[in-house]
Amino acid sequence: MGKIRITQIRSKIHCTRRQKLTLQALGLRKLNATVEHEATPQIMGMIEKVRHLLKISE
């Protein structure tokens, strides 16, 4: 599995609690924060739930 780079590009202010917790679990704490993860099915599912807040690159 390859690595993916995830950047938070939109604010989580008006998001649901569950979406905020998903961002926290991905390691995204602030706007424009970037993290790298392995592209596992679990991580891809988490990304899919908050895709509208993120920019994903491989």
C-alpha atoms as a PDB file:
ATOM      1  CA  MET A   1       0.000   0.000   0.000  1.00  0.00           C
ATOM      2  CA  GLY A   2       1.238   3.445  -0.861  1.00  0.00           C
ATOM      3  CA  LYS A   3       1.502   6.543   1.236  1.00  0.00           C
ATOM      4  CA  ILE A   4      -0.978   9.383   0.923  1.00  0.00           C
ATOM      5  CA  ARG A   5      -0.596  12.986   2.046  1.00  0.00           C
ATOM      6  CA  ILE A   6      -3.678  14.585   3.600  1.00  0.00           C
ATOM      7  CA  THR A   7      -4.057  18.349   4.092  1.00  0.00           C
ATOM      8  CA  GLN A   8      -6.970  20.023   5.856  1.00  0.00           C
ATOM      9  CA  ILE A   9      -8.084  22.925   3.648  1.00  0.00           C
ATOM     10  CA  ARG A  10     -11.457  23.823   5.172  1.00  0.00           C
ATOM     11  CA  SER A  11     -12.469  24.657   8.724  1.00  0.00           C
ATOM     12  CA  LYS A  12     -14.191  22.148  10.981  1.00  0.00           C
ATOM     13  CA  ILE A  13     -16.263  24.800  12.797  1.00  0.00           C
ATOM     14  CA  HIS A  14     -19.655  23.885  11.302  1.00  0.00           C
ATOM     15  CA  CYS A  15     -19.012  20.140  11.136  1.00  0.00           C
ATOM     16  CA  THR A  16     -20.693  17.461  13.172  1.00  0.00           C
ATOM     17  CA  ARG A  17     -18.995  16.075  16.264  1.00  0.00           C
ATOM     18  CA  ARG A  18     -18.317  12.809  14.468  1.00  0.00           C
ATOM     19  CA  GLN A  19     -16.503  14.595  11.620  1.00  0.00           C
ATOM     20  CA  LYS A  20     -14.412  16.560  14.114  1.00  0.00           C
ATOM     21  CA  LEU A  21     -13.416  13.333  15.845  1.00  0.00           C
ATOM     22  CA  THR A  22     -12.522  11.772  12.486  1.00  0.00           C
ATOM     23  CA  LEU A  23     -10.199  14.698  11.695  1.00  0.00           C
ATOM     24  CA  GLN A  24      -8.625  14.319  15.121  1.00  0.00           C
ATOM     25  CA  ALA A  25      -8.125  10.582  14.573  1.00  0.00           C
ATOM     26  CA  LEU A  26      -6.405  11.328  11.263  1.00  0.00           C
ATOM     27  CA  GLY A  27      -4.007  13.629  13.148  1.00  0.00           C
ATOM     28  CA  LEU A  28      -5.300  16.898  11.696  1.00  0.00           C
ATOM     29  CA  ARG A  29      -5.457  19.527  14.424  1.00  0.00           C
ATOM     30  CA  LYS A  30      -5.278  22.846  12.535  1.00  0.00           C
ATOM     31  CA  LEU A  31      -6.172  24.335   9.202  1.00  0.00           C
ATOM     32  CA  ASN A  32      -3.496  23.685   6.535  1.00  0.00           C
ATOM     33  CA  ALA A  33      -2.015  20.889   8.645  1.00  0.00           C
ATOM     34  CA  THR A  34      -0.570  17.998   6.629  1.00  0.00           C
ATOM     35  CA  VAL A  35      -0.114  14.381   7.674  1.00  0.00           C
ATOM     36  CA  GLU A  36       1.054  11.237   5.888  1.00  0.00           C
ATOM     37  CA  HIS A  37      -0.640   7.855   6.260  1.00  0.00           C
ATOM     38  CA  GLU A  38      -0.556   4.447   4.633  1.00  0.00           C
ATOM     39  CA  ALA A  39      -3.466   3.968   2.223  1.00  0.00           C
ATOM     40  CA  THR A  40      -5.235   1.260   4.248  1.00  0.00           C
ATOM     41  CA  PRO A  41      -8.983   0.619   3.870  1.00  0.00           C
ATOM     42  CA  GLN A  42      -9.574   2.055   7.356  1.00  0.00           C
ATOM     43  CA  ILE A  43      -7.804   5.321   6.568  1.00  0.00           C
ATOM     44  CA  MET A  44      -9.508   5.588   3.174  1.00  0.00           C
ATOM     45  CA  GLY A  45     -12.903   5.175   4.863  1.00  0.00           C
ATOM     46  CA  MET A  46     -12.099   7.955   7.317  1.00  0.00           C
ATOM     47  CA  ILE A  47     -10.983  10.217   4.471  1.00  0.00           C
ATOM     48  CA  GLU A  48     -14.209   9.525   2.571  1.00  0.00           C
ATOM     49  CA  LYS A  49     -16.292  10.776   5.536  1.00  0.00           C
ATOM     50  CA  VAL A  50     -14.547  14.179   5.592  1.00  0.00           C
ATOM     51  CA  ARG A  51     -13.438  14.462   1.951  1.00  0.00           C
ATOM     52  CA  HIS A  52     -15.075  17.908   1.618  1.00  0.00           C
ATOM     53  CA  LEU A  53     -12.584  19.317   4.164  1.00  0.00           C
ATOM     54  CA  LEU A  54      -9.426  17.736   2.770  1.00  0.00           C
ATOM     55  CA  LYS A  55      -6.977  17.773  -0.118  1.00  0.00           C
ATOM     56  CA  ILE A  56      -5.513  14.350  -0.842  1.00  0.00           C
ATOM     57  CA  SER A  57      -2.330  13.690  -2.807  1.00  0.00           C
ATOM     58  CA  GLU A  58      -0.304  10.529  -3.299  1.00  0.00           C
END
